[in-house]
Amino acid sequence: MGKCKNITRLLSDALDRPLTAGEWVSVGLHLPTCSGCRNYRKHIGLLRAASREVSGLDGAGEVRPEE
């Protein structure tokens, strides 16, 4: 479980900062063998998209004009 804890932390970190090459290698080697971490990556992406939609922010973090 320690490996998954590290990978999920890196996946979360990747939303806020660029990961190093070594961090991406760790993630890339782990994800093909772990459905739990793949599901985590999918869900945090969905949550981020939903929160941006609700908050009115676009992908660049800027407020969208009223429609």
PDB file of N, CA and C in Angstrom:
ATOM      1  N   MET A   1       0.823  -1.203   0.000  1.00  0.00           N
ATOM      2  CA  MET A   1       0.000   0.000   0.000  1.00  0.00           C
ATOM      3  C   MET A   1       0.860   1.258   0.000  1.00  0.00           C
ATOM      4  N   GLY A   2       2.072   1.180   0.500  1.00  0.00           N
ATOM      5  CA  GLY A   2       2.941   2.342   0.523  1.00  0.00           C
ATOM      6  C   GLY A   2       3.194   2.889  -0.869  1.00  0.00           C
ATOM      7  N   LYS A   3       3.338   2.012  -1.829  1.00  0.00           N
ATOM      8  CA  LYS A   3       3.566   2.446  -3.207  1.00  0.00           C
ATOM      9  C   LYS A   3       2.351   3.214  -3.727  1.00  0.00           C
ATOM     10  N   CYS A   4       1.163   2.698  -3.475  1.00  0.00           N
ATOM     11  CA  CYS A   4      -0.054   3.379  -3.931  1.00  0.00           C
ATOM     12  C   CYS A   4      -0.205   4.737  -3.254  1.00  0.00           C
ATOM     13  N   LYS A   5       0.130   4.813  -1.992  1.00  0.00           N
ATOM     14  CA  LYS A   5       0.030   6.091  -1.281  1.00  0.00           C
ATOM     15  C   LYS A   5       0.946   7.123  -1.939  1.00  0.00           C
ATOM     16  N   ASN A   6       2.147   6.730  -2.291  1.00  0.00           N
ATOM     17  CA  ASN A   6       3.096   7.622  -2.956  1.00  0.00           C
ATOM     18  C   ASN A   6       2.585   8.031  -4.339  1.00  0.00           C
ATOM     19  N   ILE A   7       2.050   7.085  -5.090  1.00  0.00           N
ATOM     20  CA  ILE A   7       1.584   7.369  -6.445  1.00  0.00           C
ATOM     21  C   ILE A   7       0.368   8.288  -6.412  1.00  0.00           C
ATOM     22  N   THR A   8      -0.580   8.049  -5.519  1.00  0.00           N
ATOM     23  CA  THR A   8      -1.746   8.924  -5.448  1.00  0.00           C
ATOM     24  C   THR A   8      -1.338  10.333  -5.014  1.00  0.00           C
ATOM     25  N   ARG A   9      -0.332  10.444  -4.160  1.00  0.00           N
ATOM     26  CA  ARG A   9       0.167  11.770  -3.777  1.00  0.00           C
ATOM     27  C   ARG A   9       0.753  12.466  -4.995  1.00  0.00           C
ATOM     28  N   LEU A  10       1.528  11.726  -5.790  1.00  0.00           N
ATOM     29  CA  LEU A  10       2.109  12.314  -7.000  1.00  0.00           C
ATOM     30  C   LEU A  10       1.029  12.722  -7.998  1.00  0.00           C
ATOM     31  N   LEU A  11      -0.003  11.907  -8.146  1.00  0.00           N
ATOM     32  CA  LEU A  11      -1.090  12.253  -9.055  1.00  0.00           C
ATOM     33  C   LEU A  11      -1.792  13.531  -8.602  1.00  0.00           C
ATOM     34  N   SER A  12      -1.977  13.680  -7.310  1.00  0.00           N
ATOM     35  CA  SER A  12      -2.568  14.911  -6.777  1.00  0.00           C
ATOM     36  C   SER A  12      -1.630  16.092  -6.983  1.00  0.00           C
ATOM     37  N   ASP A  13      -0.350  15.885  -6.705  1.00  0.00           N
ATOM     38  CA  ASP A  13       0.636  16.950  -6.895  1.00  0.00           C
ATOM     39  C   ASP A  13       0.673  17.424  -8.343  1.00  0.00           C
ATOM     40  N   ALA A  14       0.497  16.498  -9.285  1.00  0.00           N
ATOM     41  CA  ALA A  14       0.564  16.835 -10.704  1.00  0.00           C
ATOM     42  C   ALA A  14      -0.521  17.828 -11.115  1.00  0.00           C
ATOM     43  N   LEU A  15      -1.584  17.940 -10.328  1.00  0.00           N
ATOM     44  CA  LEU A  15      -2.624  18.921 -10.619  1.00  0.00           C
ATOM     45  C   LEU A  15      -2.163  20.336 -10.299  1.00  0.00           C
ATOM     46  N   ASP A  16      -1.180  20.453  -9.408  1.00  0.00           N
ATOM     47  CA  ASP A  16      -0.751  21.761  -8.919  1.00  0.00           C
ATOM     48  C   ASP A  16       0.652  22.170  -9.348  1.00  0.00           C
ATOM     49  N   ARG A  17       1.459  21.204  -9.744  1.00  0.00           N
ATOM     50  CA  ARG A  17       2.839  21.522 -10.114  1.00  0.00           C
ATOM     51  C   ARG A  17       3.328  20.498 -11.128  1.00  0.00           C
ATOM     52  N   PRO A  18       4.327  20.887 -11.920  1.00  0.00           N
ATOM     53  CA  PRO A  18       4.907  19.905 -12.844  1.00  0.00           C
ATOM     54  C   PRO A  18       5.697  18.847 -12.061  1.00  0.00           C
ATOM     55  N   LEU A  19       5.487  17.602 -12.403  1.00  0.00           N
ATOM     56  CA  LEU A  19       6.265  16.529 -11.778  1.00  0.00           C
ATOM     57  C   LEU A  19       7.620  16.432 -12.463  1.00  0.00           C
ATOM     58  N   THR A  20       8.599  15.944 -11.712  1.00  0.00           N
ATOM     59  CA  THR A  20       9.923  15.711 -12.292  1.00  0.00           C
ATOM     60  C   THR A  20       9.864  14.484 -13.198  1.00  0.00           C
ATOM     61  N   ALA A  21      10.886  14.318 -14.001  1.00  0.00           N
ATOM     62  CA  ALA A  21      10.947  13.155 -14.885  1.00  0.00           C
ATOM     63  C   ALA A  21      10.918  11.861 -14.077  1.00  0.00           C
ATOM     64  N   GLY A  22      11.641  11.832 -12.969  1.00  0.00           N
ATOM     65  CA  GLY A  22      11.657  10.642 -12.123  1.00  0.00           C
ATOM     66  C   GLY A  22      10.297  10.328 -11.528  1.00  0.00           C
ATOM     67  N   GLU A  23       9.567  11.386 -11.157  1.00  0.00           N
ATOM     68  CA  GLU A  23       8.219  11.180 -10.607  1.00  0.00           C
ATOM     69  C   GLU A  23       7.280  10.620 -11.669  1.00  0.00           C
ATOM     70  N   TRP A  24       7.387  11.139 -12.906  1.00  0.00           N
ATOM     71  CA  TRP A  24       6.552  10.628 -13.987  1.00  0.00           C
ATOM     72  C   TRP A  24       6.895   9.175 -14.305  1.00  0.00           C
ATOM     73  N   VAL A  25       8.163   8.828 -14.226  1.00  0.00           N
ATOM     74  CA  VAL A  25       8.558   7.432 -14.465  1.00  0.00           C
ATOM     75  C   VAL A  25       7.923   6.532 -13.411  1.00  0.00           C
ATOM     76  N   SER A  26       7.965   6.943 -12.153  1.00  0.00           N
ATOM     77  CA  SER A  26       7.346   6.157 -11.076  1.00  0.00           C
ATOM     78  C   SER A  26       5.855   5.957 -11.333  1.00  0.00           C
ATOM     79  N   VAL A  27       5.186   7.034 -11.700  1.00  0.00           N
ATOM     80  CA  VAL A  27       3.752   6.953 -11.973  1.00  0.00           C
ATOM     81  C   VAL A  27       3.499   6.045 -13.175  1.00  0.00           C
ATOM     82  N   GLY A  28       4.268   6.262 -14.240  1.00  0.00           N
ATOM     83  CA  GLY A  28       4.083   5.492 -15.467  1.00  0.00           C
ATOM     84  C   GLY A  28       4.336   4.009 -15.309  1.00  0.00           C
ATOM     85  N   LEU A  29       5.251   3.644 -14.431  1.00  0.00           N
ATOM     86  CA  LEU A  29       5.519   2.219 -14.191  1.00  0.00           C
ATOM     87  C   LEU A  29       4.453   1.587 -13.302  1.00  0.00           C
ATOM     88  N   HIS A  30       3.862   2.374 -12.423  1.00  0.00           N
ATOM     89  CA  HIS A  30       2.890   1.842 -11.471  1.00  0.00           C
ATOM     90  C   HIS A  30       1.487   1.712 -12.062  1.00  0.00           C
ATOM     91  N   LEU A  31       1.045   2.711 -12.824  1.00  0.00           N
ATOM     92  CA  LEU A  31      -0.351   2.733 -13.279  1.00  0.00           C
ATOM     93  C   LEU A  31      -0.794   1.512 -14.088  1.00  0.00           C
ATOM     94  N   PRO A  32       0.028   0.961 -14.980  1.00  0.00           N
ATOM     95  CA  PRO A  32      -0.447  -0.204 -15.742  1.00  0.00           C
ATOM     96  C   PRO A  32      -0.775  -1.421 -14.863  1.00  0.00           C
ATOM     97  N   THR A  33      -0.215  -1.475 -13.685  1.00  0.00           N
ATOM     98  CA  THR A  33      -0.426  -2.648 -12.832  1.00  0.00           C
ATOM     99  C   THR A  33      -1.405  -2.402 -11.690  1.00  0.00           C
ATOM    100  N   CYS A  34      -1.956  -1.194 -11.578  1.00  0.00           N
ATOM    101  CA  CYS A  34      -2.790  -0.879 -10.415  1.00  0.00           C
ATOM    102  C   CYS A  34      -4.087  -0.184 -10.827  1.00  0.00           C
ATOM    103  N   SER A  35      -5.168  -0.940 -10.822  1.00  0.00           N
ATOM    104  CA  SER A  35      -6.460  -0.365 -11.210  1.00  0.00           C
ATOM    105  C   SER A  35      -6.943   0.667 -10.195  1.00  0.00           C
ATOM    106  N   GLY A  36      -6.589   0.507  -8.942  1.00  0.00           N
ATOM    107  CA  GLY A  36      -6.995   1.472  -7.927  1.00  0.00           C
ATOM    108  C   GLY A  36      -6.405   2.848  -8.187  1.00  0.00           C
ATOM    109  N   CYS A  37      -5.135   2.907  -8.525  1.00  0.00           N
ATOM    110  CA  CYS A  37      -4.488   4.193  -8.814  1.00  0.00           C
ATOM    111  C   CYS A  37      -4.976   4.774 -10.139  1.00  0.00           C
ATOM    112  N   ARG A  38      -5.273   3.910 -11.115  1.00  0.00           N
ATOM    113  CA  ARG A  38      -5.845   4.415 -12.371  1.00  0.00           C
ATOM    114  C   ARG A  38      -7.212   5.037 -12.114  1.00  0.00           C
ATOM    115  N   ASN A  39      -8.014   4.392 -11.282  1.00  0.00           N
ATOM    116  CA  ASN A  39      -9.326   4.944 -10.939  1.00  0.00           C
ATOM    117  C   ASN A  39      -9.177   6.250 -10.177  1.00  0.00           C
ATOM    118  N   TYR A  40      -8.205   6.331  -9.281  1.00  0.00           N
ATOM    119  CA  TYR A  40      -7.962   7.561  -8.535  1.00  0.00           C
ATOM    120  C   TYR A  40      -7.627   8.702  -9.495  1.00  0.00           C
ATOM    121  N   ARG A  41      -6.748   8.437 -10.458  1.00  0.00           N
ATOM    122  CA  ARG A  41      -6.367   9.460 -11.442  1.00  0.00           C
ATOM    123  C   ARG A  41      -7.592   9.938 -12.215  1.00  0.00           C
ATOM    124  N   LYS A  42      -8.433   8.997 -12.622  1.00  0.00           N
ATOM    125  CA  LYS A  42      -9.639   9.361 -13.367  1.00  0.00           C
ATOM    126  C   LYS A  42     -10.573  10.218 -12.508  1.00  0.00           C
ATOM    127  N   HIS A  43     -10.767   9.825 -11.272  1.00  0.00           N
ATOM    128  CA  HIS A  43     -11.700  10.542 -10.405  1.00  0.00           C
ATOM    129  C   HIS A  43     -11.207  11.931 -10.014  1.00  0.00           C
ATOM    130  N   ILE A  44      -9.925  12.096  -9.759  1.00  0.00           N
ATOM    131  CA  ILE A  44      -9.466  13.443  -9.408  1.00  0.00           C
ATOM    132  C   ILE A  44      -9.566  14.377 -10.614  1.00  0.00           C
ATOM    133  N   GLY A  45      -9.406  13.828 -11.809  1.00  0.00           N
ATOM    134  CA  GLY A  45      -9.591  14.636 -13.013  1.00  0.00           C
ATOM    135  C   GLY A  45     -11.040  15.080 -13.170  1.00  0.00           C
ATOM    136  N   LEU A  46     -11.965  14.157 -12.901  1.00  0.00           N
ATOM    137  CA  LEU A  46     -13.387  14.496 -12.979  1.00  0.00           C
ATOM    138  C   LEU A  46     -13.763  15.529 -11.917  1.00  0.00           C
ATOM    139  N   LEU A  47     -13.237  15.365 -10.717  1.00  0.00           N
ATOM    140  CA  LEU A  47     -13.525  16.322  -9.646  1.00  0.00           C
ATOM    141  C   LEU A  47     -12.984  17.709  -9.976  1.00  0.00           C
ATOM    142  N   ARG A  48     -11.802  17.755 -10.547  1.00  0.00           N
ATOM    143  CA  ARG A  48     -11.227  19.054 -10.903  1.00  0.00           C
ATOM    144  C   ARG A  48     -12.062  19.731 -11.991  1.00  0.00           C
ATOM    145  N   ALA A  49     -12.469  18.967 -12.990  1.00  0.00           N
ATOM    146  CA  ALA A  49     -13.288  19.538 -14.062  1.00  0.00           C
ATOM    147  C   ALA A  49     -14.632  20.025 -13.514  1.00  0.00           C
ATOM    148  N   ALA A  50     -15.237  19.250 -12.630  1.00  0.00           N
ATOM    149  CA  ALA A  50     -16.520  19.645 -12.049  1.00  0.00           C
ATOM    150  C   ALA A  50     -16.381  20.897 -11.192  1.00  0.00           C
ATOM    151  N   SER A  51     -15.318  20.982 -10.421  1.00  0.00           N
ATOM    152  CA  SER A  51     -15.148  22.156  -9.561  1.00  0.00           C
ATOM    153  C   SER A  51     -14.888  23.407 -10.404  1.00  0.00           C
ATOM    154  N   ARG A  52     -14.176  23.253 -11.503  1.00  0.00           N
ATOM    155  CA  ARG A  52     -13.967  24.405 -12.396  1.00  0.00           C
ATOM    156  C   ARG A  52     -15.280  24.842 -13.024  1.00  0.00           C
ATOM    157  N   GLU A  53     -16.083  23.882 -13.401  1.00  0.00           N
ATOM    158  CA  GLU A  53     -17.378  24.205 -14.011  1.00  0.00           C
ATOM    159  C   GLU A  53     -18.264  24.951 -13.012  1.00  0.00           C
ATOM    160  N   VAL A  54     -18.336  24.476 -11.808  1.00  0.00           N
ATOM    161  CA  VAL A  54     -19.173  25.096 -10.778  1.00  0.00           C
ATOM    162  C   VAL A  54     -18.641  26.466 -10.387  1.00  0.00           C
ATOM    163  N   SER A  55     -17.331  26.615 -10.332  1.00  0.00           N
ATOM    164  CA  SER A  55     -16.740  27.879  -9.888  1.00  0.00           C
ATOM    165  C   SER A  55     -16.729  28.945 -10.973  1.00  0.00           C
ATOM    166  N   GLY A  56     -16.921  28.544 -12.217  1.00  0.00           N
ATOM    167  CA  GLY A  56     -16.897  29.501 -13.309  1.00  0.00           C
ATOM    168  C   GLY A  56     -15.504  29.785 -13.832  1.00  0.00           C
ATOM    169  N   LEU A  57     -14.517  28.970 -13.443  1.00  0.00           N
ATOM    170  CA  LEU A  57     -13.152  29.157 -13.940  1.00  0.00           C
ATOM    171  C   LEU A  57     -12.961  28.366 -15.216  1.00  0.00           C
ATOM    172  N   ASP A  58     -12.177  28.922 -16.137  1.00  0.00           N
ATOM    173  CA  ASP A  58     -11.832  28.166 -17.336  1.00  0.00           C
ATOM    174  C   ASP A  58     -10.570  27.360 -17.058  1.00  0.00           C
ATOM    175  N   GLY A  59     -10.052  26.653 -18.031  1.00  0.00           N
ATOM    176  CA  GLY A  59      -8.876  25.816 -17.858  1.00  0.00           C
ATOM    177  C   GLY A  59      -7.624  26.572 -17.461  1.00  0.00           C
ATOM    178  N   ALA A  60      -7.552  27.870 -17.753  1.00  0.00           N
ATOM    179  CA  ALA A  60      -6.366  28.660 -17.426  1.00  0.00           C
ATOM    180  C   ALA A  60      -6.484  29.319 -16.056  1.00  0.00           C
ATOM    181  N   GLY A  61      -7.589  29.024 -15.332  1.00  0.00           N
ATOM    182  CA  GLY A  61      -7.761  29.598 -14.008  1.00  0.00           C
ATOM    183  C   GLY A  61      -8.352  30.991 -14.029  1.00  0.00           C
ATOM    184  N   GLU A  62      -8.899  31.396 -15.188  1.00  0.00           N
ATOM    185  CA  GLU A  62      -9.498  32.718 -15.299  1.00  0.00           C
ATOM    186  C   GLU A  62     -11.010  32.597 -15.293  1.00  0.00           C
ATOM    187  N   VAL A  63     -11.657  33.588 -14.771  1.00  0.00           N
ATOM    188  CA  VAL A  63     -13.118  33.578 -14.686  1.00  0.00           C
ATOM    189  C   VAL A  63     -13.693  33.775 -16.077  1.00  0.00           C
ATOM    190  N   ARG A  64     -14.665  32.902 -16.418  1.00  0.00           N
ATOM    191  CA  ARG A  64     -15.349  33.024 -17.703  1.00  0.00           C
ATOM    192  C   ARG A  64     -16.359  34.171 -17.647  1.00  0.00           C
ATOM    193  N   PRO A  65     -16.573  34.840 -18.758  1.00  0.00           N
ATOM    194  CA  PRO A  65     -17.598  35.884 -18.778  1.00  0.00           C
ATOM    195  C   PRO A  65     -18.985  35.283 -18.622  1.00  0.00           C
ATOM    196  N   GLU A  66     -19.902  36.057 -18.075  1.00  0.00           N
ATOM    197  CA  GLU A  66     -21.284  35.612 -17.932  1.00  0.00           C
ATOM    198  C   GLU A  66     -21.888  35.347 -19.306  1.00  0.00           C
ATOM    199  N   GLU A  67     -22.690  34.316 -19.413  1.00  0.00           N
ATOM    200  CA  GLU A  67     -23.332  33.990 -20.701  1.00  0.00           C
ATOM    201  C   GLU A  67     -24.717  34.547 -20.757  1.00  0.00           C
TER     202      GLU A  67
END
